[in-house]
Amino acid sequence: MLKQHYPIAIAGGGPTGLTLANLLGVYGIECLLLERNAATVHEPRAVSIDDESLRTMQAAGLAGEVLSQTVAGYGSHYYSAAGRCFAKVQPTEEPFGFPRRNAFRQPILERQLREALDRFSHVTAAFRHELTSFEQASDGVLLRLHDPWGGPLEVGCDYLIACDGASSPVRKSLGIAMSGSTFRERWLIIDLENSPSASPHTKVYSNPKRPCIALPGPENTRRYEFMLHDHETDDEMLAPDMIAHLMETHEAAPQSRIVRKTVYTFHARLAERWSEGRVFLAGDAAHLTPPFAGQGMNSGLRDANNLAWKLAAVTRRQLGPKLLASYEPERRDHAWAMIKFALNIGRVLAPPNAFVAWAIETMFRVLSLVLPARDYIAQMKFKPPPRFAQGFLVPDGEDVRHTLVGRLFPQPRIGGVPLDDLLGPGFSLVVRSERAAAVLPMLSGDPWRTLDARVVTMPLAAGGPRLARFNDHVLLLRPDRYVAACMKVDDLALGAEKVARMIAATV
């Protein structure tokens, strides 16, 4: 039986919606998750989860469980048409506390997220409940549902979050169009089981005649993605003889078992706006990312992490409802940066002709001779960094290269414990100063009391060279671990005034 009203309703039980529901559960916020299907997905879909998303799983209390079902820390090796490896992207650094790239299976992740909701008596997961329509008012949203027996239901909520996929019925009901790149390509996707690989790393065949990606996964699973040419039809490329030929010529184990084969058309699109009134879009409902960088699902989890703490703060009346207006400005530019990132990787793995393929290979070989350039590529430092230029933050006047404000804070281990586990689920004040004993009494009143910020003293040696210039500072971290304010100890009173004004602006 559903209640008549919930503070938060989530439409869609995919990775974004399930993650949002788990985070709200951790924050103690009552919510309703609606999913028209009877269960989470069974077929493979997304196959890569990054370090930022694993940090989100840590916030949800699920990092260990999720990692137990992944291949952690894989890289990508790029091969020319002649079979020469001309580039290796194999990051070993873990600035946010986890390997930067990890292979996983979406059905397993969704099941883990779904089962984890049973921890929370205040989270209701209503599968086989379809949202058929909704109406907004100034004080809430009325939802019309079909339950498993076909009966109509009406449920109210304060806010509706649409995590209902690329063809989002909620987005369409709002009349919000998708716009952006006209990028369209067809790719043949083949998922295999019982397909061992000699290497845990992705092989990228940058062959203009047949661009291909081979991605090993957990438990001897493997995915192949082949680009199709305009003259090739879906039916001929899905034919058993063609599939067998492609597998044989791309090193698939002969005992491999096909569990899915399909042709996808990939898009690079953003919703023209991500909210209307009390309805917000997240995940594929808000943005569509080509798969070449493995960032589609990860972008959706970033949305969930950004929205969850804001919805919690507004629901608890800790901060005002205008806080939610910061969601799109903070997430939109980075989502588009990840789309462009994926497109650029797509240009490397799918050169249009032999000359471009040769030029790409030559460029990477030259760059590999320069240590900083080789490190830049190998450590995947070309990935757009998580950073906000505007939103719920206090600018500190530093240039974009040096400021910590708006950036995701690193996660070193303090005494063997990951930093986030010490910070807890809310706001936190990280003190980096030899004068910590004198600083702590200054952090007991407002505005810190309004934020219920936990105070943690961080050893100056922790965090490495990147944080060394922020010794004798106090950093205000949001629940999503982004830096909201960076204050010198001697300027702490002025910093408190600026934070107080930022809080007041949300009312």
Protein backbone atom coordinates (compact mmCIF):
# COMPACT_ATOMS: atom_id res chain seq x y z
CA MET A 1 0.00 0.00 0.00
CA LEU A 2 1.34 3.39 -0.99
CA LYS A 3 0.96 6.45 1.17
CA GLN A 4 -0.95 9.46 -0.04
CA HIS A 5 2.11 11.70 -0.03
CA TYR A 6 5.91 11.46 -0.20
CA PRO A 7 8.46 14.25 0.00
CA ILE A 8 10.32 12.84 -3.02
CA ALA A 9 9.12 10.60 -5.86
CA ILE A 10 11.53 9.07 -8.37
CA ALA A 11 10.30 7.85 -11.76
CA GLY A 12 12.56 5.10 -13.07
CA GLY A 13 14.38 2.22 -11.39
CA GLY A 14 17.59 2.19 -13.42
CA PRO A 15 21.05 3.01 -12.01
CA THR A 16 20.32 6.73 -11.60
CA GLY A 17 16.98 6.29 -9.86
CA LEU A 18 18.18 3.43 -7.66
CA THR A 19 21.29 5.37 -6.63
CA LEU A 20 19.22 8.46 -5.83
CA ALA A 21 16.84 6.38 -3.70
CA ASN A 22 19.75 4.81 -1.79
CA LEU A 23 21.37 8.17 -1.13
CA LEU A 24 18.08 9.63 0.08
CA GLY A 25 17.77 6.58 2.30
CA VAL A 26 21.19 7.30 3.83
CA TYR A 27 20.13 10.93 4.39
CA GLY A 28 16.98 9.75 6.16
CA ILE A 29 14.54 11.19 3.59
CA GLU A 30 11.28 9.41 2.85
CA CYS A 31 10.88 8.73 -0.85
CA LEU A 32 8.99 6.65 -3.39
CA LEU A 33 10.70 4.87 -6.30
CA LEU A 34 8.39 4.02 -9.21
CA GLU A 35 9.35 1.47 -11.87
CA ARG A 36 6.92 0.09 -14.45
CA ASN A 37 8.88 -3.15 -14.94
CA ALA A 38 8.63 -6.05 -12.54
CA ALA A 39 12.36 -6.18 -11.79
CA THR A 40 15.69 -4.59 -12.55
CA VAL A 41 17.35 -5.31 -15.91
CA HIS A 42 18.63 -8.76 -16.80
CA GLU A 43 20.53 -7.99 -20.02
CA PRO A 44 23.97 -6.32 -20.10
CA ARG A 45 23.98 -2.57 -20.71
CA ALA A 46 26.58 -0.25 -19.15
CA VAL A 47 29.91 -1.98 -18.51
CA SER A 48 32.22 0.66 -16.97
CA ILE A 49 32.01 2.38 -13.58
CA ASP A 50 34.55 5.08 -12.69
CA ASP A 51 36.15 6.30 -9.48
CA GLU A 52 33.66 9.13 -8.98
CA SER A 53 30.76 6.69 -9.17
CA LEU A 54 32.43 4.28 -6.77
CA ARG A 55 32.80 7.20 -4.37
CA THR A 56 29.05 7.73 -4.75
CA MET A 57 28.57 4.03 -3.94
CA GLN A 58 30.72 4.64 -0.85
CA ALA A 59 28.36 7.46 0.16
CA ALA A 60 25.50 5.00 -0.23
CA GLY A 61 27.32 2.46 1.95
CA LEU A 62 27.80 0.03 -0.93
CA ALA A 63 31.35 0.47 -2.23
CA GLY A 64 32.65 -2.84 -0.87
CA GLU A 65 29.72 -4.81 -2.22
CA VAL A 66 29.94 -3.21 -5.65
CA LEU A 67 33.72 -3.67 -5.87
CA SER A 68 33.34 -7.35 -5.07
CA GLN A 69 31.66 -7.78 -8.46
CA THR A 70 34.00 -5.68 -10.62
CA VAL A 71 37.32 -5.94 -12.40
CA ALA A 72 39.06 -2.96 -10.84
CA GLY A 73 41.59 -0.73 -12.53
CA TYR A 74 41.50 -1.83 -16.16
CA GLY A 75 43.04 0.20 -18.98
CA SER A 76 42.62 0.63 -22.74
CA HIS A 77 45.21 -0.43 -25.30
CA TYR A 78 44.90 1.06 -28.80
CA TYR A 79 45.92 -0.99 -31.84
CA SER A 80 46.50 0.10 -35.42
CA ALA A 81 45.13 -1.71 -38.47
CA ALA A 82 48.50 -3.50 -38.65
CA GLY A 83 48.06 -4.79 -35.10
CA ARG A 84 50.63 -2.49 -33.45
CA CYS A 85 49.82 -1.12 -29.99
CA PHE A 86 50.37 2.63 -30.29
CA ALA A 87 48.87 3.90 -27.03
CA LYS A 88 48.09 2.67 -23.52
CA VAL A 89 45.68 4.41 -21.20
CA GLN A 90 46.23 2.57 -17.94
CA PRO A 91 45.78 4.86 -14.93
CA THR A 92 47.24 3.78 -11.60
CA GLU A 93 46.56 6.93 -9.56
CA GLU A 94 43.52 6.95 -7.25
CA PRO A 95 42.92 10.59 -6.29
CA PHE A 96 39.34 9.95 -5.19
CA GLY A 97 40.07 6.72 -3.34
CA PHE A 98 39.22 4.19 -6.06
CA PRO A 99 40.64 2.93 -9.36
CA ARG A 100 39.71 5.28 -12.17
CA ARG A 101 38.18 2.62 -14.48
CA ASN A 102 36.40 -0.56 -13.47
CA ALA A 103 34.49 -3.19 -15.43
CA PHE A 104 31.14 -4.27 -14.02
CA ARG A 105 27.82 -5.81 -15.05
CA GLN A 106 24.77 -3.58 -14.91
CA PRO A 107 22.31 -6.35 -13.97
CA ILE A 108 24.42 -7.15 -10.91
CA LEU A 109 24.79 -3.48 -9.92
CA GLU A 110 21.06 -2.81 -10.27
CA ARG A 111 20.23 -5.88 -8.19
CA GLN A 112 22.66 -4.74 -5.50
CA LEU A 113 21.11 -1.27 -5.46
CA ARG A 114 17.58 -2.65 -5.40
CA GLU A 115 18.27 -5.06 -2.55
CA ALA A 116 20.06 -2.31 -0.60
CA LEU A 117 16.83 -0.31 -0.43
CA ASP A 118 15.50 -2.92 2.00
CA ARG A 119 17.75 -1.28 4.62
CA PHE A 120 15.44 1.70 4.78
CA SER A 121 11.93 1.62 6.18
CA HIS A 122 11.41 5.16 4.84
CA VAL A 123 12.16 4.20 1.18
CA THR A 124 9.38 2.54 -0.82
CA ALA A 125 10.36 0.73 -4.03
CA ALA A 126 7.19 0.24 -6.08
CA PHE A 127 7.99 -1.97 -9.05
CA ARG A 128 5.20 -2.73 -11.55
CA HIS A 129 3.88 0.76 -10.86
CA GLU A 130 3.75 2.98 -13.92
CA LEU A 131 3.56 6.77 -13.81
CA THR A 132 0.91 7.57 -16.40
CA SER A 133 0.57 11.34 -15.89
CA PHE A 134 1.18 14.11 -13.39
CA GLU A 135 0.03 17.60 -12.54
CA GLN A 136 2.04 20.33 -10.83
CA ALA A 137 0.81 22.86 -8.31
CA SER A 138 2.64 25.53 -6.36
CA ASP A 139 3.04 23.23 -3.37
CA GLY A 140 3.57 19.82 -4.95
CA VAL A 141 3.02 17.32 -7.74
CA LEU A 142 0.06 14.95 -8.16
CA LEU A 143 1.06 11.59 -9.67
CA ARG A 144 -1.34 9.25 -11.46
CA LEU A 145 -0.22 5.65 -11.45
CA HIS A 146 -1.23 2.20 -12.65
CA ASP A 147 -0.57 -0.46 -10.05
CA PRO A 148 0.23 -4.14 -10.81
CA TRP A 149 -3.48 -4.95 -11.04
CA GLY A 150 -4.26 -2.17 -13.49
CA GLY A 151 -6.01 0.03 -11.00
CA PRO A 152 -5.54 3.81 -11.06
CA LEU A 153 -3.84 5.43 -8.09
CA GLU A 154 -3.11 9.01 -7.13
CA VAL A 155 -0.11 9.92 -4.98
CA GLY A 156 1.24 13.33 -4.05
CA CYS A 157 4.86 14.43 -3.67
CA ASP A 158 6.81 17.61 -3.07
CA TYR A 159 9.28 16.92 -5.87
CA LEU A 160 9.35 14.49 -8.80
CA ILE A 161 12.70 13.34 -10.21
CA ALA A 162 12.52 11.85 -13.70
CA CYS A 163 15.13 9.09 -14.08
CA ASP A 164 13.02 7.40 -16.75
CA GLY A 165 15.54 7.03 -19.55
CA ALA A 166 16.36 8.39 -22.96
CA SER A 167 12.75 8.37 -24.15
CA SER A 168 11.60 9.89 -20.82
CA PRO A 169 7.78 10.18 -20.76
CA VAL A 170 8.12 12.83 -18.03
CA ARG A 171 10.39 14.97 -20.20
CA LYS A 172 8.02 14.62 -23.13
CA SER A 173 5.05 15.55 -20.93
CA LEU A 174 6.88 18.74 -19.99
CA GLY A 175 7.52 19.52 -23.66
CA ILE A 176 11.29 19.65 -23.14
CA ALA A 177 13.24 18.90 -26.30
CA MET A 178 16.65 17.26 -26.62
CA SER A 179 19.22 19.25 -28.55
CA GLY A 180 22.93 19.19 -29.26
CA SER A 181 25.14 17.34 -31.68
CA THR A 182 23.70 15.63 -34.73
CA PHE A 183 26.12 12.76 -34.08
CA ARG A 184 24.56 9.47 -35.13
CA GLU A 185 26.35 6.19 -35.68
CA ARG A 186 25.22 2.58 -35.66
CA TRP A 187 27.23 0.10 -33.66
CA LEU A 188 26.78 -3.65 -33.35
CA ILE A 189 26.92 -4.71 -29.69
CA ILE A 190 27.71 -8.33 -28.83
CA ASP A 191 27.78 -9.47 -25.19
CA LEU A 192 29.45 -12.77 -24.37
CA GLU A 193 29.69 -15.12 -21.43
CA ASN A 194 32.26 -17.90 -20.89
CA SER A 195 34.70 -15.76 -22.88
CA PRO A 196 38.05 -15.59 -21.06
CA SER A 197 40.60 -13.02 -22.14
CA ALA A 198 44.36 -13.04 -21.71
CA SER A 199 44.28 -9.44 -20.50
CA PRO A 200 41.87 -7.49 -18.27
CA HIS A 201 42.35 -4.40 -20.43
CA THR A 202 40.15 -3.13 -23.23
CA LYS A 203 41.48 -3.59 -26.76
CA VAL A 204 40.62 -0.78 -29.16
CA TYR A 205 41.00 -1.68 -32.83
CA SER A 206 41.47 1.71 -34.55
CA ASN A 207 40.98 0.22 -37.98
CA PRO A 208 39.00 2.39 -40.42
CA LYS A 209 37.79 -0.74 -42.20
CA ARG A 210 36.12 -2.01 -39.00
CA PRO A 211 36.54 0.06 -35.80
CA CYS A 212 36.01 -2.17 -32.79
CA ILE A 213 36.21 -2.17 -29.01
CA ALA A 214 36.64 -5.38 -26.98
CA LEU A 215 35.94 -4.99 -23.27
CA PRO A 216 36.63 -7.88 -20.86
CA GLY A 217 34.38 -7.93 -17.80
CA PRO A 218 33.86 -9.83 -14.55
CA GLU A 219 33.40 -13.60 -14.49
CA ASN A 220 34.67 -14.16 -18.05
CA THR A 221 32.14 -11.83 -19.63
CA ARG A 222 33.13 -9.76 -22.64
CA ARG A 223 31.60 -7.09 -24.83
CA TYR A 224 32.38 -6.29 -28.45
CA GLU A 225 31.30 -3.08 -30.15
CA PHE A 226 31.69 -2.85 -33.95
CA MET A 227 31.02 0.28 -35.96
CA LEU A 228 28.72 -0.30 -38.92
CA HIS A 229 29.12 1.43 -42.26
CA ASP A 230 26.28 3.20 -44.03
CA HIS A 231 25.93 0.50 -46.70
CA GLU A 232 25.57 -2.31 -44.12
CA THR A 233 22.09 -3.25 -42.95
CA ASP A 234 21.23 -4.30 -39.41
CA ASP A 235 19.96 -7.69 -40.56
CA GLU A 236 23.11 -8.66 -42.44
CA MET A 237 25.37 -7.62 -39.55
CA LEU A 238 23.25 -9.55 -37.03
CA ALA A 239 23.34 -12.73 -39.15
CA PRO A 240 25.00 -15.70 -37.37
CA ASP A 241 27.69 -16.11 -40.04
CA MET A 242 28.72 -12.46 -39.79
CA ILE A 243 28.77 -12.58 -35.97
CA ALA A 244 30.93 -15.72 -36.08
CA HIS A 245 33.33 -14.07 -38.53
CA LEU A 246 33.70 -10.95 -36.39
CA MET A 247 34.32 -13.00 -33.26
CA GLU A 248 36.91 -15.20 -34.94
CA THR A 249 38.84 -12.24 -36.38
CA HIS A 250 38.87 -10.32 -33.10
CA GLU A 251 40.28 -12.91 -30.69
CA ALA A 252 37.09 -14.06 -29.00
CA ALA A 253 37.52 -17.35 -27.15
CA PRO A 254 35.99 -20.15 -29.27
CA GLN A 255 33.79 -21.36 -26.40
CA SER A 256 32.18 -17.93 -25.99
CA ARG A 257 28.41 -17.88 -25.59
CA ILE A 258 26.40 -14.97 -27.01
CA VAL A 259 23.90 -13.56 -24.52
CA ARG A 260 22.90 -10.48 -26.48
CA LYS A 261 23.41 -8.99 -29.92
CA THR A 262 21.84 -5.74 -31.04
CA VAL A 263 22.44 -2.64 -33.13
CA TYR A 264 22.44 0.67 -31.27
CA THR A 265 22.36 4.21 -32.58
CA PHE A 266 24.34 6.53 -30.34
CA HIS A 267 23.50 10.17 -29.78
CA ALA A 268 25.14 13.18 -28.16
CA ARG A 269 22.30 15.26 -26.76
CA LEU A 270 21.28 17.46 -23.84
CA ALA A 271 17.78 18.35 -22.68
CA GLU A 272 17.13 22.04 -23.34
CA ARG A 273 16.37 22.47 -19.64
CA TRP A 274 16.62 20.05 -16.75
CA SER A 275 13.70 21.14 -14.62
CA GLU A 276 10.31 22.72 -14.68
CA GLY A 277 8.67 23.75 -11.44
CA ARG A 278 9.00 20.87 -9.02
CA VAL A 279 10.06 18.30 -11.63
CA PHE A 280 13.73 17.57 -12.35
CA LEU A 281 15.39 15.43 -15.03
CA ALA A 282 18.36 13.17 -14.31
CA GLY A 283 20.39 10.55 -16.13
CA ASP A 284 19.50 9.73 -19.73
CA ALA A 285 16.36 11.82 -19.40
CA ALA A 286 18.66 14.86 -19.25
CA HIS A 287 21.63 13.84 -21.41
CA LEU A 288 22.66 11.16 -23.89
CA THR A 289 26.35 10.27 -24.10
CA PRO A 290 28.13 8.12 -26.72
CA PRO A 291 29.63 5.03 -25.08
CA PHE A 292 33.26 5.44 -26.11
CA ALA A 293 34.41 6.82 -22.76
CA GLY A 294 32.09 4.66 -20.66
CA GLN A 295 30.52 7.75 -19.12
CA GLY A 296 26.78 7.51 -19.88
CA MET A 297 25.73 5.78 -16.67
CA ASN A 298 28.45 7.54 -14.67
CA SER A 299 27.05 10.93 -15.68
CA GLY A 300 23.66 9.82 -14.38
CA LEU A 301 25.17 8.80 -11.04
CA ARG A 302 26.77 12.26 -10.80
CA ASP A 303 23.28 13.72 -11.25
CA ALA A 304 21.95 11.52 -8.46
CA ASN A 305 24.77 12.49 -6.11
CA ASN A 306 24.25 16.19 -6.82
CA LEU A 307 20.49 16.07 -6.36
CA ALA A 308 20.31 13.77 -3.34
CA TRP A 309 21.90 16.01 -0.71
CA LYS A 310 20.09 19.08 -2.04
CA LEU A 311 16.71 17.37 -1.88
CA ALA A 312 17.56 16.19 1.63
CA ALA A 313 18.63 19.68 2.78
CA VAL A 314 15.48 21.27 1.34
CA THR A 315 13.18 18.57 2.73
CA ARG A 316 14.68 18.97 6.19
CA ARG A 317 14.43 22.77 5.83
CA GLN A 318 18.13 22.97 6.51
CA LEU A 319 18.47 25.07 3.35
CA GLY A 320 15.90 26.87 1.24
CA PRO A 321 14.23 25.56 -1.93
CA LYS A 322 16.25 27.88 -4.19
CA LEU A 323 19.16 25.51 -3.55
CA LEU A 324 17.64 23.18 -6.15
CA ALA A 325 18.14 25.85 -8.82
CA SER A 326 21.89 25.12 -8.58
CA TYR A 327 21.45 21.56 -9.91
CA GLU A 328 21.45 22.29 -13.64
CA PRO A 329 24.13 25.03 -13.60
CA GLU A 330 26.46 22.69 -11.70
CA ARG A 331 25.83 19.59 -13.77
CA ARG A 332 25.05 20.78 -17.30
CA ASP A 333 28.50 22.00 -18.41
CA HIS A 334 30.26 18.93 -17.04
CA ALA A 335 27.73 16.59 -18.67
CA TRP A 336 28.37 18.28 -22.01
CA ALA A 337 32.13 18.11 -21.41
CA MET A 338 31.82 14.35 -20.93
CA ILE A 339 29.81 14.07 -24.16
CA LYS A 340 32.55 15.91 -26.07
CA PHE A 341 35.14 13.74 -24.30
CA ALA A 342 33.37 10.62 -25.57
CA LEU A 343 33.16 12.04 -29.09
CA ASN A 344 36.89 12.78 -29.11
CA ILE A 345 37.71 9.25 -28.01
CA GLY A 346 35.35 8.03 -30.73
CA ARG A 347 37.41 9.91 -33.32
CA VAL A 348 40.56 8.09 -32.17
CA LEU A 349 39.04 4.62 -32.18
CA ALA A 350 37.10 5.13 -35.44
CA PRO A 351 39.30 7.06 -37.90
CA PRO A 352 37.45 7.73 -41.19
CA ASN A 353 40.30 6.63 -43.46
CA ALA A 354 43.82 5.17 -43.51
CA PHE A 355 45.55 8.57 -43.61
CA VAL A 356 43.78 9.82 -40.48
CA ALA A 357 44.51 6.50 -38.75
CA TRP A 358 48.22 6.88 -39.60
CA ALA A 359 48.25 10.49 -38.35
CA ILE A 360 46.63 9.48 -35.04
CA GLU A 361 49.08 6.61 -34.52
CA THR A 362 52.06 8.83 -35.34
CA MET A 363 50.88 11.55 -32.97
CA PHE A 364 50.56 9.12 -30.07
CA ARG A 365 53.95 7.58 -30.78
CA VAL A 366 55.60 11.00 -30.74
CA LEU A 367 53.81 11.98 -27.54
CA SER A 368 54.97 8.77 -25.87
CA LEU A 369 58.57 10.00 -26.19
CA VAL A 370 57.81 12.93 -23.87
CA LEU A 371 57.43 11.81 -20.24
CA PRO A 372 54.83 14.42 -19.15
CA ALA A 373 52.76 13.74 -22.27
CA ARG A 374 53.02 9.97 -21.78
CA ASP A 375 51.93 10.35 -18.16
CA TYR A 376 49.06 12.66 -19.20
CA ILE A 377 47.72 9.96 -21.51
CA ALA A 378 48.47 6.91 -19.37
CA GLN A 379 46.95 8.41 -16.20
CA MET A 380 43.86 9.55 -18.11
CA LYS A 381 44.42 13.17 -17.10
CA PHE A 382 42.66 14.26 -20.29
CA LYS A 383 39.32 13.29 -18.75
CA PRO A 384 37.36 16.48 -17.91
CA PRO A 385 37.85 17.03 -14.18
CA PRO A 386 34.81 17.25 -11.91
CA ARG A 387 34.43 20.96 -11.26
CA PHE A 388 31.68 23.57 -10.94
CA ALA A 389 32.18 27.17 -12.04
CA GLN A 390 28.93 28.29 -10.38
CA GLY A 391 26.36 26.99 -7.93
CA PHE A 392 26.32 26.44 -4.16
CA LEU A 393 29.86 27.67 -3.56
CA VAL A 394 31.85 30.71 -2.45
CA PRO A 395 34.48 31.79 -5.02
CA ASP A 396 37.88 32.47 -3.46
CA GLY A 397 39.35 34.64 -6.22
CA GLU A 398 41.93 32.05 -7.28
CA ASP A 399 42.36 31.24 -10.96
CA VAL A 400 40.78 28.10 -12.37
CA ARG A 401 44.03 26.13 -12.28
CA HIS A 402 44.68 26.65 -8.58
CA THR A 403 41.33 26.98 -6.83
CA LEU A 404 39.81 24.10 -4.92
CA VAL A 405 36.37 25.72 -4.80
CA GLY A 406 33.90 23.83 -6.97
CA ARG A 407 36.22 20.83 -7.26
CA LEU A 408 35.72 17.31 -6.00
CA PHE A 409 37.97 17.00 -2.96
CA PRO A 410 40.59 14.22 -2.99
CA GLN A 411 40.07 11.21 -0.74
CA PRO A 412 43.29 10.18 0.97
CA ARG A 413 43.38 7.70 3.82
CA ILE A 414 43.73 9.15 7.31
CA GLY A 415 45.16 6.61 9.72
CA GLY A 416 44.23 3.89 7.25
CA VAL A 417 40.59 5.05 7.01
CA PRO A 418 39.17 6.62 3.81
CA LEU A 419 38.52 10.32 4.40
CA ASP A 420 34.81 10.13 3.50
CA ASP A 421 34.21 7.54 6.20
CA LEU A 422 35.50 10.07 8.73
CA LEU A 423 33.43 12.91 7.30
CA GLY A 424 30.04 11.19 7.53
CA PRO A 425 27.05 11.85 5.27
CA GLY A 426 26.58 15.60 5.74
CA PHE A 427 28.54 18.84 5.45
CA SER A 428 32.04 18.86 6.89
CA LEU A 429 34.77 21.33 7.79
CA VAL A 430 38.26 20.05 7.04
CA VAL A 431 40.92 21.84 9.08
CA ARG A 432 44.45 21.81 7.64
CA SER A 433 46.53 23.82 10.08
CA GLU A 434 49.15 23.51 12.77
CA ARG A 435 46.91 25.88 14.72
CA ALA A 436 43.98 23.45 14.68
CA ALA A 437 43.47 23.62 18.45
CA ALA A 438 42.88 27.37 18.22
CA VAL A 439 40.73 27.06 15.10
CA LEU A 440 38.24 24.47 16.38
CA PRO A 441 36.39 26.81 18.80
CA MET A 442 35.79 29.19 15.90
CA LEU A 443 33.78 26.50 14.08
CA SER A 444 31.09 25.89 16.70
CA GLY A 445 28.59 28.66 15.89
CA ASP A 446 26.70 29.80 12.82
CA PRO A 447 26.76 29.36 9.88
CA TRP A 448 28.41 26.02 10.59
CA ARG A 449 25.70 25.07 13.07
CA THR A 450 23.04 25.69 10.39
CA LEU A 451 24.83 23.22 8.13
CA ASP A 452 25.39 20.78 11.01
CA ALA A 453 28.95 20.49 9.72
CA ARG A 454 31.23 17.85 11.18
CA VAL A 455 34.74 19.15 11.95
CA VAL A 456 37.67 16.93 10.93
CA THR A 457 41.34 17.77 11.36
CA MET A 458 43.38 16.58 8.39
CA PRO A 459 47.13 15.95 8.76
CA LEU A 460 49.14 18.35 6.61
CA ALA A 461 50.97 15.45 4.96
CA ALA A 462 47.71 13.91 3.72
CA GLY A 463 46.54 14.66 0.22
CA GLY A 464 49.97 15.03 -1.37
CA PRO A 465 51.48 18.03 -3.18
CA ARG A 466 48.12 19.10 -4.61
CA LEU A 467 46.90 20.13 -1.15
CA ALA A 468 50.20 21.46 0.22
CA ARG A 469 49.41 25.03 -0.81
CA PHE A 470 46.21 24.83 1.25
CA ASN A 471 47.93 24.33 4.58
CA ASP A 472 46.59 26.73 7.23
CA HIS A 473 43.16 26.61 5.55
CA VAL A 474 39.66 25.44 6.49
CA LEU A 475 37.62 23.84 3.72
CA LEU A 476 33.86 23.53 3.71
CA LEU A 477 32.91 20.28 1.95
CA ARG A 478 29.38 19.60 0.77
CA PRO A 479 27.83 16.17 1.31
CA ASP A 480 28.83 15.26 -2.27
CA ARG A 481 32.47 16.09 -1.33
CA TYR A 482 32.75 19.14 -3.56
CA VAL A 483 34.49 22.13 -1.98
CA ALA A 484 31.95 24.86 -1.23
CA ALA A 485 34.44 27.27 0.40
CA CYS A 486 38.18 27.47 0.95
CA MET A 487 39.16 29.86 3.75
CA LYS A 488 42.49 30.90 5.18
CA VAL A 489 42.55 30.50 8.94
CA ASP A 490 43.27 34.19 9.38
CA ASP A 491 40.26 35.09 7.21
CA LEU A 492 37.84 32.62 8.80
CA ALA A 493 35.44 35.30 10.07
CA LEU A 494 35.11 36.79 6.58
CA GLY A 495 34.65 33.30 5.15
CA ALA A 496 31.86 32.61 7.63
CA GLU A 497 30.07 35.78 6.50
CA LYS A 498 30.27 34.73 2.86
CA VAL A 499 28.97 31.25 3.65
CA ALA A 500 26.10 32.76 5.66
CA ARG A 501 25.13 34.88 2.65
CA MET A 502 25.27 31.81 0.41
CA ILE A 503 22.92 29.98 2.77
CA ALA A 504 20.54 32.93 2.95
CA ALA A 505 20.38 33.06 -0.86
CA THR A 506 18.70 29.63 -0.90
CA VAL A 507 15.62 30.83 1.01
